[in-house]
């Protein structure tokens, strides 16, 4: 896997942290962690977007962040488990994986020349 795609996954992970932080932060320390997560998330996303198609990067970022947030809420915060919710998350992830598969990496195209 390309390091730029790894950056997108890291940015999505930090997106999950800051979205959860927006809902559950209640002290200076947790708000500080939320703000730091926002900064890291968007910085890494912007770095990945410099080398990859921005539309695809953003779609993958939002899809992974949404799926991660919903799964985290179910696992850690007592959100009720609903099979339809899980099926739609799987559908969302299938779309994200599909976008990644069909997106050509500009660096890989020039590597064989």
Protein backbone atom coordinates (compact mmCIF):
# COMPACT_ATOMS: atom_id res chain seq x y z
CA UNK A 1 0.00 0.00 0.00
CA UNK A 2 1.18 3.46 -0.91
CA UNK A 3 2.30 5.73 1.96
CA UNK A 4 -0.11 8.42 0.79
CA UNK A 5 -3.05 6.03 1.25
CA UNK A 6 -1.65 5.17 4.67
CA UNK A 7 -1.86 8.90 5.47
CA UNK A 8 -5.56 8.84 4.54
CA UNK A 9 -6.14 5.93 6.95
CA UNK A 10 -4.25 7.73 9.74
CA UNK A 11 -6.26 10.91 9.08
CA UNK A 12 -9.50 8.88 9.28
CA UNK A 13 -8.38 7.34 12.58
CA UNK A 14 -7.81 10.79 14.04
CA UNK A 15 -11.17 11.86 12.61
CA UNK A 16 -12.80 9.15 14.72
CA UNK A 17 -10.98 10.51 17.78
CA UNK A 18 -12.08 14.09 17.25
CA UNK A 19 -15.68 13.23 16.38
CA UNK A 20 -15.95 11.17 19.56
CA UNK A 21 -14.22 13.99 21.40
CA UNK A 22 -16.79 16.52 20.20
CA UNK A 23 -19.54 14.41 21.74
CA UNK A 24 -17.84 13.24 24.94
CA UNK A 25 -15.27 15.91 25.88
CA UNK A 26 -16.02 17.44 29.26
CA UNK A 27 -12.70 18.73 30.59
CA UNK A 28 -9.79 20.88 29.47
CA UNK A 29 -7.68 17.78 28.82
CA UNK A 30 -10.29 16.01 26.64
CA UNK A 31 -11.03 19.21 24.71
CA UNK A 32 -7.29 19.66 24.17
CA UNK A 33 -7.03 16.11 22.83
CA UNK A 34 -9.99 16.79 20.54
CA UNK A 35 -8.39 19.93 19.12
CA UNK A 36 -5.06 18.16 18.62
CA UNK A 37 -6.87 15.31 16.84
CA UNK A 38 -8.59 17.80 14.51
CA UNK A 39 -5.26 19.42 13.64
CA UNK A 40 -3.48 16.10 13.03
CA UNK A 41 -6.40 14.70 11.04
CA UNK A 42 -6.65 17.60 8.63
CA UNK A 43 -2.89 18.08 8.32
CA UNK A 44 -2.33 14.45 7.35
CA UNK A 45 -5.36 14.56 5.02
CA UNK A 46 -3.97 17.64 3.25
CA UNK A 47 -0.56 15.94 2.90
CA UNK A 48 -2.20 12.91 1.27
CA UNK A 49 -4.30 15.13 -0.99
CA UNK A 50 -1.17 16.67 -2.49
CA UNK A 51 -0.33 13.39 -4.23
CA UNK A 52 -3.68 11.64 -4.63
CA UNK A 53 -6.97 12.71 -6.26
CA UNK A 54 -8.61 15.00 -3.73
CA UNK A 55 -12.18 13.84 -4.38
CA UNK A 56 -11.30 10.21 -3.83
CA UNK A 57 -9.16 11.01 -0.79
CA UNK A 58 -11.99 12.95 0.83
CA UNK A 59 -14.57 10.23 0.06
CA UNK A 60 -12.33 7.55 1.57
CA UNK A 61 -11.55 9.77 4.58
CA UNK A 62 -15.21 10.49 5.32
CA UNK A 63 -16.29 6.89 4.71
CA UNK A 64 -13.67 5.41 7.00
CA UNK A 65 -14.26 8.10 9.61
CA UNK A 66 -18.01 7.50 9.58
CA UNK A 67 -17.64 3.74 9.83
CA UNK A 68 -15.03 4.05 12.57
CA UNK A 69 -17.16 6.45 14.57
CA UNK A 70 -20.27 4.27 14.40
CA UNK A 71 -18.31 1.13 15.31
CA UNK A 72 -16.60 2.94 18.20
CA UNK A 73 -19.93 4.19 19.52
CA UNK A 74 -21.29 0.63 19.47
CA UNK A 75 -18.20 -0.95 21.06
CA UNK A 76 -17.25 1.67 23.64
CA UNK A 77 -20.23 3.90 24.38
CA UNK A 78 -23.26 1.62 24.50
CA UNK A 79 -24.89 2.60 21.21
CA UNK A 80 -27.44 -0.13 20.38
CA UNK A 81 -26.28 -2.72 17.84
CA UNK A 82 -28.59 -2.84 14.84
CA UNK A 83 -27.99 -5.23 11.97
CA UNK A 84 -29.13 -2.68 9.37
CA UNK A 85 -26.61 -0.17 10.69
CA UNK A 86 -23.82 -2.72 10.34
CA UNK A 87 -24.97 -3.69 6.83
CA UNK A 88 -24.95 -0.07 5.72
CA UNK A 89 -21.48 0.41 7.21
CA UNK A 90 -20.30 -2.62 5.22
CA UNK A 91 -21.88 -1.13 2.09
CA UNK A 92 -20.10 2.16 2.80
CA UNK A 93 -16.78 0.38 3.29
CA UNK A 94 -17.31 -1.58 0.05
CA UNK A 95 -17.72 1.75 -1.75
CA UNK A 96 -14.58 3.15 -0.11
CA UNK A 97 -12.57 0.06 -1.05
CA UNK A 98 -13.96 0.24 -4.57
CA UNK A 99 -12.90 3.87 -4.90
CA UNK A 100 -9.40 3.02 -3.75
CA UNK A 101 -9.14 0.10 -6.17
CA UNK A 102 -10.23 2.07 -9.24
CA UNK A 103 -8.17 5.19 -8.45
CA UNK A 104 -4.87 5.24 -10.28
CA UNK A 105 -1.86 6.39 -8.28
CA UNK A 106 -0.09 9.14 -10.28
CA UNK A 107 3.28 8.20 -8.77
CA UNK A 108 2.90 4.57 -9.90
CA UNK A 109 2.04 5.64 -13.45
CA UNK A 110 5.30 7.56 -13.87
CA UNK A 111 7.42 4.90 -12.16
CA UNK A 112 7.54 2.57 -15.17
CA UNK A 113 8.71 5.26 -17.63
